[in-house]
Structure formats: C-alpha cells, structure tokens
PDB file of N, CA and C in Angstrom:
ATOM      1  N   MET A   1     -19.421  35.859   8.291  1.00  0.00           N
ATOM      2  CA  MET A   1     -20.746  35.329   8.509  1.00  0.00           C
ATOM      3  C   MET A   1     -20.793  33.776   7.945  1.00  0.00           C
ATOM      4  N   PRO A   2     -21.381  32.794   8.752  1.00  0.00           N
ATOM      5  CA  PRO A   2     -21.341  31.402   8.315  1.00  0.00           C
ATOM      6  C   PRO A   2     -21.940  31.204   6.956  1.00  0.00           C
ATOM      7  N   TYR A   3     -22.979  31.790   6.592  1.00  0.00           N
ATOM      8  CA  TYR A   3     -23.690  31.645   5.273  1.00  0.00           C
ATOM      9  C   TYR A   3     -22.701  32.110   4.208  1.00  0.00           C
ATOM     10  N   MET A   4     -21.686  32.847   4.448  1.00  0.00           N
ATOM     11  CA  MET A   4     -20.826  33.319   3.281  1.00  0.00           C
ATOM     12  C   MET A   4     -19.613  32.406   3.072  1.00  0.00           C
ATOM     13  N   VAL A   5     -19.571  31.333   3.868  1.00  0.00           N
ATOM     14  CA  VAL A   5     -18.447  30.291   3.613  1.00  0.00           C
ATOM     15  C   VAL A   5     -18.807  29.423   2.506  1.00  0.00           C
ATOM     16  N   ASN A   6     -18.056  29.459   1.479  1.00  0.00           N
ATOM     17  CA  ASN A   6     -18.189  28.692   0.284  1.00  0.00           C
ATOM     18  C   ASN A   6     -16.819  28.529  -0.357  1.00  0.00           C
ATOM     19  N   PRO A   7     -16.523  27.615  -1.374  1.00  0.00           N
ATOM     20  CA  PRO A   7     -15.330  27.498  -1.853  1.00  0.00           C
ATOM     21  C   PRO A   7     -14.677  28.820  -2.460  1.00  0.00           C
ATOM     22  N   GLU A   8     -15.586  29.603  -3.169  1.00  0.00           N
ATOM     23  CA  GLU A   8     -15.099  30.880  -3.916  1.00  0.00           C
ATOM     24  C   GLU A   8     -14.730  31.855  -2.874  1.00  0.00           C
ATOM     25  N   SER A   9     -15.512  32.112  -1.890  1.00  0.00           N
ATOM     26  CA  SER A   9     -15.162  33.111  -0.861  1.00  0.00           C
ATOM     27  C   SER A   9     -13.976  32.684  -0.069  1.00  0.00           C
ATOM     28  N   THR A  10     -13.902  31.414   0.221  1.00  0.00           N
ATOM     29  CA  THR A  10     -12.680  30.956   1.106  1.00  0.00           C
ATOM     30  C   THR A  10     -11.409  31.187   0.258  1.00  0.00           C
ATOM     31  N   HIS A  11     -11.469  30.828  -0.967  1.00  0.00           N
ATOM     32  CA  HIS A  11     -10.355  30.894  -1.985  1.00  0.00           C
ATOM     33  C   HIS A  11      -9.940  32.484  -2.064  1.00  0.00           C
ATOM     34  N   LYS A  12     -10.879  33.338  -2.159  1.00  0.00           N
ATOM     35  CA  LYS A  12     -10.612  34.727  -2.277  1.00  0.00           C
ATOM     36  C   LYS A  12      -9.925  35.235  -0.934  1.00  0.00           C
ATOM     37  N   ALA A  13     -10.430  34.883   0.152  1.00  0.00           N
ATOM     38  CA  ALA A  13     -10.010  35.195   1.485  1.00  0.00           C
ATOM     39  C   ALA A  13      -8.405  34.740   1.572  1.00  0.00           C
ATOM     40  N   LEU A  14      -8.154  33.428   1.171  1.00  0.00           N
ATOM     41  CA  LEU A  14      -6.901  33.002   1.349  1.00  0.00           C
ATOM     42  C   LEU A  14      -5.884  33.774   0.323  1.00  0.00           C
ATOM     43  N   LEU A  15      -6.446  34.137  -0.827  1.00  0.00           N
ATOM     44  CA  LEU A  15      -5.387  34.949  -1.704  1.00  0.00           C
ATOM     45  C   LEU A  15      -5.233  36.304  -1.048  1.00  0.00           C
ATOM     46  N   LYS A  16      -6.352  36.850  -0.534  1.00  0.00           N
ATOM     47  CA  LYS A  16      -6.160  38.246   0.197  1.00  0.00           C
ATOM     48  C   LYS A  16      -5.142  38.196   1.353  1.00  0.00           C
ATOM     49  N   ASP A  17      -5.064  37.055   1.974  1.00  0.00           N
ATOM     50  CA  ASP A  17      -4.174  36.926   3.182  1.00  0.00           C
ATOM     51  C   ASP A  17      -2.808  36.461   2.729  1.00  0.00           C
ATOM     52  N   GLY A  18      -2.552  36.451   1.433  1.00  0.00           N
ATOM     53  CA  GLY A  18      -1.089  36.218   0.907  1.00  0.00           C
ATOM     54  C   GLY A  18      -0.894  34.712   0.464  1.00  0.00           C
ATOM     55  N   GLY A  19      -1.971  33.953   0.424  1.00  0.00           N
ATOM     56  CA  GLY A  19      -1.836  32.568  -0.025  1.00  0.00           C
ATOM     57  C   GLY A  19      -1.428  32.471  -1.410  1.00  0.00           C
ATOM     58  N   ILE A  20      -0.538  31.425  -1.860  1.00  0.00           N
ATOM     59  CA  ILE A  20      -0.111  31.141  -3.074  1.00  0.00           C
ATOM     60  C   ILE A  20      -0.835  29.896  -3.483  1.00  0.00           C
ATOM     61  N   PRO A  21      -1.800  29.829  -4.332  1.00  0.00           N
ATOM     62  CA  PRO A  21      -2.634  28.676  -4.676  1.00  0.00           C
ATOM     63  C   PRO A  21      -1.730  27.611  -5.422  1.00  0.00           C
ATOM     64  N   LEU A  22      -1.873  26.383  -4.892  1.00  0.00           N
ATOM     65  CA  LEU A  22      -1.037  25.308  -5.694  1.00  0.00           C
ATOM     66  C   LEU A  22      -2.071  24.221  -6.222  1.00  0.00           C
ATOM     67  N   GLY A  23      -3.339  24.372  -6.047  1.00  0.00           N
ATOM     68  CA  GLY A  23      -4.377  23.407  -6.554  1.00  0.00           C
ATOM     69  C   GLY A  23      -4.394  22.181  -5.615  1.00  0.00           C
ATOM     70  N   LEU A  24      -4.789  21.090  -6.235  1.00  0.00           N
ATOM     71  CA  LEU A  24      -5.134  19.937  -5.476  1.00  0.00           C
ATOM     72  C   LEU A  24      -3.868  18.970  -5.505  1.00  0.00           C
ATOM     73  N   ASN A  25      -2.913  19.257  -6.426  1.00  0.00           N
ATOM     74  CA  ASN A  25      -1.711  18.513  -6.592  1.00  0.00           C
ATOM     75  C   ASN A  25      -0.529  19.437  -6.524  1.00  0.00           C
ATOM     76  N   PRO A  26       0.095  19.618  -5.356  1.00  0.00           N
ATOM     77  CA  PRO A  26       1.130  20.657  -5.104  1.00  0.00           C
ATOM     78  C   PRO A  26       2.424  20.258  -5.880  1.00  0.00           C
ATOM     79  N   PHE A  27       2.459  19.032  -6.517  1.00  0.00           N
ATOM     80  CA  PHE A  27       3.585  18.527  -7.140  1.00  0.00           C
ATOM     81  C   PHE A  27       3.651  18.770  -8.579  1.00  0.00           C
ATOM     82  N   SER A  28       2.430  19.211  -9.123  1.00  0.00           N
ATOM     83  CA  SER A  28       2.197  19.422 -10.615  1.00  0.00           C
ATOM     84  C   SER A  28       1.738  20.836 -10.864  1.00  0.00           C
ATOM     85  N   ALA A  29       2.445  21.446 -11.865  1.00  0.00           N
ATOM     86  CA  ALA A  29       2.212  22.814 -12.231  1.00  0.00           C
ATOM     87  C   ALA A  29       1.018  22.816 -13.411  1.00  0.00           C
ATOM     88  N   ALA A  30       0.654  21.609 -13.791  1.00  0.00           N
ATOM     89  CA  ALA A  30      -0.348  21.647 -14.897  1.00  0.00           C
ATOM     90  C   ALA A  30      -1.681  22.150 -14.476  1.00  0.00           C
ATOM     91  N   GLY A  31      -2.225  23.114 -15.347  1.00  0.00           N
ATOM     92  CA  GLY A  31      -3.539  23.723 -15.028  1.00  0.00           C
ATOM     93  C   GLY A  31      -3.424  24.876 -13.998  1.00  0.00           C
ATOM     94  N   ARG A  32      -2.327  25.271 -13.596  1.00  0.00           N
ATOM     95  CA  ARG A  32      -2.365  26.433 -12.598  1.00  0.00           C
ATOM     96  C   ARG A  32      -1.362  27.514 -13.147  1.00  0.00           C
ATOM     97  N   ASP A  33      -1.565  28.787 -12.658  1.00  0.00           N
ATOM     98  CA  ASP A  33      -0.706  29.880 -13.037  1.00  0.00           C
ATOM     99  C   ASP A  33       0.780  29.597 -12.470  1.00  0.00           C
ATOM    100  N   PRO A  34       1.732  30.183 -13.166  1.00  0.00           N
ATOM    101  CA  PRO A  34       3.124  29.985 -12.665  1.00  0.00           C
ATOM    102  C   PRO A  34       3.163  30.705 -11.199  1.00  0.00           C
ATOM    103  N   ILE A  35       3.854  30.108 -10.375  1.00  0.00           N
ATOM    104  CA  ILE A  35       3.961  30.808  -9.016  1.00  0.00           C
ATOM    105  C   ILE A  35       5.509  31.251  -8.872  1.00  0.00           C
ATOM    106  N   GLU A  36       5.539  32.282  -8.081  1.00  0.00           N
ATOM    107  CA  GLU A  36       6.999  32.712  -7.691  1.00  0.00           C
ATOM    108  C   GLU A  36       7.111  32.692  -6.219  1.00  0.00           C
ATOM    109  N   ILE A  37       8.190  32.143  -5.806  1.00  0.00           N
ATOM    110  CA  ILE A  37       8.497  32.047  -4.346  1.00  0.00           C
ATOM    111  C   ILE A  37       9.898  32.581  -4.050  1.00  0.00           C
ATOM    112  N   ASP A  38      10.110  33.132  -2.864  1.00  0.00           N
ATOM    113  CA  ASP A  38      11.341  33.724  -2.519  1.00  0.00           C
ATOM    114  C   ASP A  38      12.149  32.610  -1.838  1.00  0.00           C
ATOM    115  N   PRO A  39      13.338  32.290  -2.460  1.00  0.00           N
ATOM    116  CA  PRO A  39      14.122  31.211  -1.801  1.00  0.00           C
ATOM    117  C   PRO A  39      14.625  31.485  -0.504  1.00  0.00           C
ATOM    118  N   ASP A  40      14.694  32.784  -0.108  1.00  0.00           N
ATOM    119  CA  ASP A  40      15.209  33.246   1.206  1.00  0.00           C
ATOM    120  C   ASP A  40      14.040  33.089   2.263  1.00  0.00           C
ATOM    121  N   LYS A  41      12.858  32.732   1.890  1.00  0.00           N
ATOM    122  CA  LYS A  41      11.874  32.672   2.869  1.00  0.00           C
ATOM    123  C   LYS A  41      11.387  31.286   3.243  1.00  0.00           C
ATOM    124  N   SER A  42      10.789  31.077   4.255  1.00  0.00           N
ATOM    125  CA  SER A  42      10.166  29.833   4.661  1.00  0.00           C
ATOM    126  C   SER A  42       8.759  29.905   4.354  1.00  0.00           C
ATOM    127  N   TYR A  43       7.987  28.646   4.040  1.00  0.00           N
ATOM    128  CA  TYR A  43       6.634  28.759   3.718  1.00  0.00           C
ATOM    129  C   TYR A  43       5.952  27.730   4.583  1.00  0.00           C
ATOM    130  N   TYR A  44       4.620  27.831   4.919  1.00  0.00           N
ATOM    131  CA  TYR A  44       3.796  26.931   5.476  1.00  0.00           C
ATOM    132  C   TYR A  44       3.121  26.308   4.323  1.00  0.00           C
ATOM    133  N   LEU A  45       2.888  24.992   4.310  1.00  0.00           N
ATOM    134  CA  LEU A  45       1.942  24.352   3.370  1.00  0.00           C
ATOM    135  C   LEU A  45       0.584  24.232   4.190  1.00  0.00           C
ATOM    136  N   VAL A  46      -0.525  24.787   3.571  1.00  0.00           N
ATOM    137  CA  VAL A  46      -1.800  24.724   4.140  1.00  0.00           C
ATOM    138  C   VAL A  46      -2.706  24.031   3.171  1.00  0.00           C
ATOM    139  N   ALA A  47      -3.519  23.108   3.767  1.00  0.00           N
ATOM    140  CA  ALA A  47      -4.572  22.481   3.005  1.00  0.00           C
ATOM    141  C   ALA A  47      -5.906  23.014   3.451  1.00  0.00           C
ATOM    142  N   ALA A  48      -6.805  23.420   2.512  1.00  0.00           N
ATOM    143  CA  ALA A  48      -7.983  24.070   2.769  1.00  0.00           C
ATOM    144  C   ALA A  48      -9.189  23.227   2.293  1.00  0.00           C
ATOM    145  N   MET A  49     -10.173  23.194   3.072  1.00  0.00           N
ATOM    146  CA  MET A  49     -11.387  22.492   2.697  1.00  0.00           C
ATOM    147  C   MET A  49     -12.532  23.240   3.323  1.00  0.00           C
ATOM    148  N   THR A  50     -13.748  22.995   2.768  1.00  0.00           N
ATOM    149  CA  THR A  50     -14.941  23.680   3.157  1.00  0.00           C
ATOM    150  C   THR A  50     -15.989  22.721   3.301  1.00  0.00           C
ATOM    151  N   ALA A  51     -17.077  22.957   4.099  1.00  0.00           N
ATOM    152  CA  ALA A  51     -18.211  22.316   4.205  1.00  0.00           C
ATOM    153  C   ALA A  51     -19.252  23.236   4.437  1.00  0.00           C
ATOM    154  N   ARG A  52     -20.538  22.906   4.404  1.00  0.00           N
ATOM    155  CA  ARG A  52     -21.542  23.932   4.696  1.00  0.00           C
ATOM    156  C   ARG A  52     -21.337  24.899   5.850  1.00  0.00           C
ATOM    157  N   GLU A  53     -21.100  26.099   5.522  1.00  0.00           N
ATOM    158  CA  GLU A  53     -20.907  27.218   6.584  1.00  0.00           C
ATOM    159  C   GLU A  53     -19.595  26.942   7.345  1.00  0.00           C
ATOM    160  N   GLU A  54     -18.756  26.162   6.993  1.00  0.00           N
ATOM    161  CA  GLU A  54     -17.473  25.846   7.767  1.00  0.00           C
ATOM    162  C   GLU A  54     -16.294  25.852   6.764  1.00  0.00           C
ATOM    163  N   TYR A  55     -15.269  26.210   7.294  1.00  0.00           N
ATOM    164  CA  TYR A  55     -13.946  25.951   6.653  1.00  0.00           C
ATOM    165  C   TYR A  55     -13.020  25.258   7.457  1.00  0.00           C
ATOM    166  N   HIS A  56     -11.986  24.654   6.981  1.00  0.00           N
ATOM    167  CA  HIS A  56     -11.065  23.875   7.802  1.00  0.00           C
ATOM    168  C   HIS A  56      -9.827  24.046   7.127  1.00  0.00           C
ATOM    169  N   PHE A  57      -8.708  24.441   7.899  1.00  0.00           N
ATOM    170  CA  PHE A  57      -7.322  24.422   7.442  1.00  0.00           C
ATOM    171  C   PHE A  57      -6.515  23.509   8.214  1.00  0.00           C
ATOM    172  N   ALA A  58      -5.654  22.850   7.477  1.00  0.00           N
ATOM    173  CA  ALA A  58      -4.590  21.954   8.045  1.00  0.00           C
ATOM    174  C   ALA A  58      -3.263  22.469   7.638  1.00  0.00           C
ATOM    175  N   ARG A  59      -2.365  22.545   8.542  1.00  0.00           N
ATOM    176  CA  ARG A  59      -0.945  22.937   8.190  1.00  0.00           C
ATOM    177  C   ARG A  59       0.049  21.920   8.502  1.00  0.00           C
ATOM    178  N   LEU A  60       0.969  21.650   7.520  1.00  0.00           N
ATOM    179  CA  LEU A  60       1.989  20.663   7.874  1.00  0.00           C
ATOM    180  C   LEU A  60       3.125  21.162   8.521  1.00  0.00           C
ATOM    181  N   PHE A  61       3.488  20.459   9.571  1.00  0.00           N
ATOM    182  CA  PHE A  61       4.596  20.886  10.354  1.00  0.00           C
ATOM    183  C   PHE A  61       5.566  19.507  10.398  1.00  0.00           C
ATOM    184  N   SER A  62       6.743  19.641  11.062  1.00  0.00           N
ATOM    185  CA  SER A  62       7.594  18.420  11.028  1.00  0.00           C
ATOM    186  C   SER A  62       7.067  17.238  11.778  1.00  0.00           C
ATOM    187  N   ASP A  63       6.060  17.420  12.548  1.00  0.00           N
ATOM    188  CA  ASP A  63       5.484  16.349  13.242  1.00  0.00           C
ATOM    189  C   ASP A  63       4.033  15.852  12.735  1.00  0.00           C
ATOM    190  N   GLY A  64       3.642  16.320  11.646  1.00  0.00           N
ATOM    191  CA  GLY A  64       2.404  15.939  10.944  1.00  0.00           C
ATOM    192  C   GLY A  64       1.571  17.109  10.761  1.00  0.00           C
ATOM    193  N   TRP A  65       0.429  16.898  10.219  1.00  0.00           N
ATOM    194  CA  TRP A  65      -0.711  17.741   9.955  1.00  0.00           C
ATOM    195  C   TRP A  65      -1.393  18.208  11.216  1.00  0.00           C
ATOM    196  N   TRP A  66      -1.702  19.506  11.309  1.00  0.00           N
ATOM    197  CA  TRP A  66      -2.408  19.965  12.507  1.00  0.00           C
ATOM    198  C   TRP A  66      -3.554  20.843  11.905  1.00  0.00           C
ATOM    199  N   ALA A  67      -4.669  20.524  12.571  1.00  0.00           N
ATOM    200  CA  ALA A  67      -6.075  21.183  12.057  1.00  0.00           C
ATOM    201  C   ALA A  67      -6.357  22.443  12.732  1.00  0.00           C
ATOM    202  N   LYS A  68      -6.991  23.337  11.992  1.00  0.00           N
ATOM    203  CA  LYS A  68      -7.485  24.577  12.537  1.00  0.00           C
ATOM    204  C   LYS A  68      -8.805  24.848  11.781  1.00  0.00           C
ATOM    205  N   PRO A  69      -9.894  24.274  12.471  1.00  0.00           N
ATOM    206  CA  PRO A  69     -11.266  24.532  11.871  1.00  0.00           C
ATOM    207  C   PRO A  69     -11.780  25.913  12.126  1.00  0.00           C
ATOM    208  N   SER A  70     -12.909  26.281  11.613  1.00  0.00           N
ATOM    209  CA  SER A  70     -13.403  27.632  11.794  1.00  0.00           C
ATOM    210  C   SER A  70     -14.063  27.609  13.155  1.00  0.00           C
ATOM    211  N   LYS A  71     -14.177  26.553  13.801  1.00  0.00           N
ATOM    212  CA  LYS A  71     -14.688  26.717  15.235  1.00  0.00           C
ATOM    213  C   LYS A  71     -13.558  26.981  16.133  1.00  0.00           C
ATOM    214  N   VAL A  72     -13.790  27.977  17.024  1.00  0.00           N
ATOM    215  CA  VAL A  72     -12.646  28.434  17.871  1.00  0.00           C
ATOM    216  C   VAL A  72     -12.173  27.405  18.847  1.00  0.00           C
ATOM    217  N   LYS A  73     -11.006  27.332  19.076  1.00  0.00           N
ATOM    218  CA  LYS A  73     -10.339  26.538  20.169  1.00  0.00           C
ATOM    219  C   LYS A  73     -10.379  25.025  19.712  1.00  0.00           C
ATOM    220  N   LEU A  74     -10.546  24.667  18.488  1.00  0.00           N
ATOM    221  CA  LEU A  74     -10.572  23.225  18.103  1.00  0.00           C
ATOM    222  C   LEU A  74      -9.372  22.926  17.402  1.00  0.00           C
ATOM    223  N   ALA A  75      -8.241  23.570  17.518  1.00  0.00           N
ATOM    224  CA  ALA A  75      -7.001  23.141  16.865  1.00  0.00           C
ATOM    225  C   ALA A  75      -6.534  21.814  17.498  1.00  0.00           C
ATOM    226  N   SER A  76      -5.981  21.019  16.609  1.00  0.00           N
ATOM    227  CA  SER A  76      -5.585  19.608  17.127  1.00  0.00           C
ATOM    228  C   SER A  76      -4.701  19.026  16.025  1.00  0.00           C
ATOM    229  N   GLN A  77      -3.960  18.111  16.534  1.00  0.00           N
ATOM    230  CA  GLN A  77      -3.130  17.331  15.654  1.00  0.00           C
ATOM    231  C   GLN A  77      -3.872  16.235  14.899  1.00  0.00           C
ATOM    232  N   MET A  78      -3.727  16.138  13.649  1.00  0.00           N
ATOM    233  CA  MET A  78      -4.538  15.238  12.875  1.00  0.00           C
ATOM    234  C   MET A  78      -3.787  13.791  12.690  1.00  0.00           C
ATOM    235  N   GLY A  79      -2.790  13.623  13.478  1.00  0.00           N
ATOM    236  CA  GLY A  79      -2.048  12.373  13.276  1.00  0.00           C
ATOM    237  C   GLY A  79      -0.678  12.783  12.889  1.00  0.00           C
ATOM    238  N   LYS A  80       0.238  11.815  12.926  1.00  0.00           N
ATOM    239  CA  LYS A  80       1.690  12.073  12.693  1.00  0.00           C
ATOM    240  C   LYS A  80       2.030  11.828  11.190  1.00  0.00           C
ATOM    241  N   ILE A  81       1.038  11.813  10.402  1.00  0.00           N
ATOM    242  CA  ILE A  81       1.405  11.755   8.934  1.00  0.00           C
ATOM    243  C   ILE A  81       2.033  12.842   8.304  1.00  0.00           C
ATOM    244  N   LEU A  82       3.035  12.539   7.526  1.00  0.00           N
ATOM    245  CA  LEU A  82       3.698  13.638   6.765  1.00  0.00           C
ATOM    246  C   LEU A  82       3.322  13.626   5.296  1.00  0.00           C
ATOM    247  N   ASP A  83       2.517  12.682   4.960  1.00  0.00           N
ATOM    248  CA  ASP A  83       2.162  12.486   3.643  1.00  0.00           C
ATOM    249  C   ASP A  83       1.299  13.607   3.048  1.00  0.00           C
ATOM    250  N   ILE A  84       1.651  13.931   1.755  1.00  0.00           N
ATOM    251  CA  ILE A  84       0.908  15.066   1.136  1.00  0.00           C
ATOM    252  C   ILE A  84       0.141  14.447   0.025  1.00  0.00           C
ATOM    253  N   PRO A  85      -1.135  14.173   0.186  1.00  0.00           N
ATOM    254  CA  PRO A  85      -1.995  13.736  -0.843  1.00  0.00           C
ATOM    255  C   PRO A  85      -1.903  14.485  -2.158  1.00  0.00           C
ATOM    256  N   ASP A  86      -1.840  13.792  -3.354  1.00  0.00           N
ATOM    257  CA  ASP A  86      -1.752  14.593  -4.468  1.00  0.00           C
ATOM    258  C   ASP A  86      -2.897  14.460  -5.560  1.00  0.00           C
ATOM    259  N   SER A  87      -4.029  14.160  -5.030  1.00  0.00           N
ATOM    260  CA  SER A  87      -5.103  14.051  -5.881  1.00  0.00           C
ATOM    261  C   SER A  87      -6.391  14.452  -5.065  1.00  0.00           C
ATOM    262  N   LYS A  88      -7.471  14.752  -5.737  1.00  0.00           N
ATOM    263  CA  LYS A  88      -8.703  15.031  -4.965  1.00  0.00           C
ATOM    264  C   LYS A  88      -9.204  14.034  -4.203  1.00  0.00           C
ATOM    265  N   THR A  89      -9.105  12.789  -4.785  1.00  0.00           N
ATOM    266  CA  THR A  89      -9.660  11.537  -4.073  1.00  0.00           C
ATOM    267  C   THR A  89      -8.751  11.346  -2.726  1.00  0.00           C
ATOM    268  N   GLU A  90      -7.412  11.415  -2.924  1.00  0.00           N
ATOM    269  CA  GLU A  90      -6.437  11.265  -1.751  1.00  0.00           C
ATOM    270  C   GLU A  90      -6.677  12.296  -0.751  1.00  0.00           C
ATOM    271  N   PHE A  91      -6.853  13.572  -1.179  1.00  0.00           N
ATOM    272  CA  PHE A  91      -7.011  14.623  -0.316  1.00  0.00           C
ATOM    273  C   PHE A  91      -8.287  14.407   0.554  1.00  0.00           C
ATOM    274  N   LYS A  92      -9.376  14.062  -0.160  1.00  0.00           N
ATOM    275  CA  LYS A  92     -10.625  13.877   0.557  1.00  0.00           C
ATOM    276  C   LYS A  92     -10.577  12.653   1.499  1.00  0.00           C
ATOM    277  N   GLY A  93      -9.875  11.640   1.034  1.00  0.00           N
ATOM    278  CA  GLY A  93      -9.693  10.416   1.850  1.00  0.00           C
ATOM    279  C   GLY A  93      -8.799  10.519   3.112  1.00  0.00           C
ATOM    280  N   LYS A  94      -7.760  11.304   2.889  1.00  0.00           N
ATOM    281  CA  LYS A  94      -6.710  11.306   3.968  1.00  0.00           C
ATOM    282  C   LYS A  94      -6.989  12.592   4.835  1.00  0.00           C
ATOM    283  N   LEU A  95      -6.907  13.775   4.160  1.00  0.00           N
ATOM    284  CA  LEU A  95      -6.988  14.984   4.937  1.00  0.00           C
ATOM    285  C   LEU A  95      -8.356  15.274   5.524  1.00  0.00           C
ATOM    286  N   CYS A  96      -9.321  15.223   4.565  1.00  0.00           N
ATOM    287  CA  CYS A  96     -10.834  15.510   5.091  1.00  0.00           C
ATOM    288  C   CYS A  96     -11.171  14.619   6.140  1.00  0.00           C
ATOM    289  N   LYS A  97     -10.823  13.334   5.869  1.00  0.00           N
ATOM    290  CA  LYS A  97     -11.322  12.331   6.983  1.00  0.00           C
ATOM    291  C   LYS A  97     -10.598  12.537   8.163  1.00  0.00           C
ATOM    292  N   SER A  98      -9.230  12.797   8.080  1.00  0.00           N
ATOM    293  CA  SER A  98      -8.415  13.054   9.301  1.00  0.00           C
ATOM    294  C   SER A  98      -8.881  14.434  10.049  1.00  0.00           C
ATOM    295  N   GLY A  99      -9.468  15.285   9.156  1.00  0.00           N
ATOM    296  CA  GLY A  99      -9.972  16.505   9.800  1.00  0.00           C
ATOM    297  C   GLY A  99     -11.224  16.335  10.682  1.00  0.00           C
ATOM    298  N   GLY A 100     -11.794  15.177  10.676  1.00  0.00           N
ATOM    299  CA  GLY A 100     -12.891  14.864  11.466  1.00  0.00           C
ATOM    300  C   GLY A 100     -14.239  14.795  10.858  1.00  0.00           C
ATOM    301  N   ARG A 101     -14.222  15.173   9.433  1.00  0.00           N
ATOM    302  CA  ARG A 101     -15.583  15.171   8.761  1.00  0.00           C
ATOM    303  C   ARG A 101     -15.288  14.720   7.375  1.00  0.00           C
ATOM    304  N   THR A 102     -15.884  13.642   6.985  1.00  0.00           N
ATOM    305  CA  THR A 102     -15.635  13.328   5.485  1.00  0.00           C
ATOM    306  C   THR A 102     -16.476  14.227   4.548  1.00  0.00           C
ATOM    307  N   ALA A 103     -17.413  15.039   5.139  1.00  0.00           N
ATOM    308  CA  ALA A 103     -18.147  15.915   4.364  1.00  0.00           C
ATOM    309  C   ALA A 103     -17.469  17.065   3.962  1.00  0.00           C
ATOM    310  N   TYR A 104     -16.167  17.327   4.411  1.00  0.00           N
ATOM    311  CA  TYR A 104     -15.397  18.442   3.795  1.00  0.00           C
ATOM    312  C   TYR A 104     -15.132  18.166   2.413  1.00  0.00           C
ATOM    313  N   ASN A 105     -15.101  19.150   1.633  1.00  0.00           N
ATOM    314  CA  ASN A 105     -14.816  19.191   0.225  1.00  0.00           C
ATOM    315  C   ASN A 105     -13.277  19.713   0.048  1.00  0.00           C
ATOM    316  N   PRO A 106     -12.407  19.131  -0.600  1.00  0.00           N
ATOM    317  CA  PRO A 106     -11.111  19.687  -0.769  1.00  0.00           C
ATOM    318  C   PRO A 106     -11.183  21.006  -1.580  1.00  0.00           C
ATOM    319  N   LEU A 107     -10.427  22.012  -1.034  1.00  0.00           N
ATOM    320  CA  LEU A 107     -10.391  23.278  -1.879  1.00  0.00           C
ATOM    321  C   LEU A 107      -9.019  23.403  -2.446  1.00  0.00           C
ATOM    322  N   GLY A 108      -7.987  22.893  -1.900  1.00  0.00           N
ATOM    323  CA  GLY A 108      -6.590  22.839  -2.470  1.00  0.00           C
ATOM    324  C   GLY A 108      -5.535  23.144  -1.451  1.00  0.00           C
ATOM    325  N   TYR A 109      -4.345  23.256  -1.960  1.00  0.00           N
ATOM    326  CA  TYR A 109      -3.145  23.498  -1.101  1.00  0.00           C
ATOM    327  C   TYR A 109      -2.754  25.032  -1.418  1.00  0.00           C
ATOM    328  N   TYR A 110      -2.281  25.626  -0.448  1.00  0.00           N
ATOM    329  CA  TYR A 110      -1.718  27.015  -0.546  1.00  0.00           C
ATOM    330  C   TYR A 110      -0.342  27.202   0.090  1.00  0.00           C
ATOM    331  N   LEU A 111       0.451  28.031  -0.262  1.00  0.00           N
ATOM    332  CA  LEU A 111       1.750  28.291   0.386  1.00  0.00           C
ATOM    333  C   LEU A 111       1.500  29.699   1.080  1.00  0.00           C
ATOM    334  N   PHE A 112       1.948  29.824   2.296  1.00  0.00           N
ATOM    335  CA  PHE A 112       1.844  31.023   3.066  1.00  0.00           C
ATOM    336  C   PHE A 112       3.278  31.266   3.654  1.00  0.00           C
ATOM    337  N   PRO A 113       3.808  32.536   3.382  1.00  0.00           N
ATOM    338  CA  PRO A 113       5.093  32.851   3.959  1.00  0.00           C
ATOM    339  C   PRO A 113       4.991  32.751   5.370  1.00  0.00           C
ATOM    340  N   ALA A 114       6.094  32.102   5.986  1.00  0.00           N
ATOM    341  CA  ALA A 114       6.167  31.988   7.486  1.00  0.00           C
ATOM    342  C   ALA A 114       6.681  33.354   7.957  1.00  0.00           C
ATOM    343  N   PRO A 115       6.223  33.761   9.256  1.00  0.00           N
ATOM    344  CA  PRO A 115       6.832  34.978   9.806  1.00  0.00           C
ATOM    345  C   PRO A 115       8.267  34.680  10.185  1.00  0.00           C
ATOM    346  N   LYS A 116       8.805  35.741  10.231  1.00  0.00           N
ATOM    347  CA  LYS A 116      10.302  35.631  10.669  1.00  0.00           C
ATOM    348  C   LYS A 116      10.415  35.477  12.127  1.00  0.00           C
TER     349      LYS A 116
END
C-alpha cells in the first residue's frame, strides 16, 4: 500500500528480500554491522531511495545506473555514469537527481546476490 512506503518499511523489505545493507558509503565499514559475502557469488549493487508513498531503486550495471521506480513500467537508464556516490550529499545530488526527482531521500546501498 502506498501509505506504507517509508524509509523503515522499505529497509525492512530489502532485508527480507536478502539485501545486505551498506549504508550511505559502501566504501566505509564505519557505523555498520560487519557483513559477510560469498566470494563465489556475484552481487548487484542497489541504491535505494524513498519519497512520499514511493520508493525508487537503482542498480549498477557495466553500462551505468538503471532505475526501477515503484511505478510499473518506468525502468530506464539513468545515464552512463559508473560513479558510486559515497556520501548522503553526493547520493542525493547524483542518484536521486538522476532518478528524476530531487525530492527522493537516500536510504542507502544494498548488495543482493545475483541469480545464477
């Protein structure tokens, strides 16, 4: 339900779906629980953001970030940037803005095991 979309419920859903939270800076372990990844698996890097009653995910591929908003059929390439913003300000300025709405609030990065 749209009214149930908020940072907390989106975070819980991502964890339930197997997401490994990395926080707003995936390059730093400061302030987050230790993570374990399987070196034999491949992972998707997903950036999650929320706005009133909407969520927005972006996944990094070899040709740039691709967006998947909560609105059906609106998946699109966000540009050919391969940059991974490493602060809340950069996340909001680069990914949230590229996602089409500066009103999105950064939730953080998550790793998801890629299907075989």
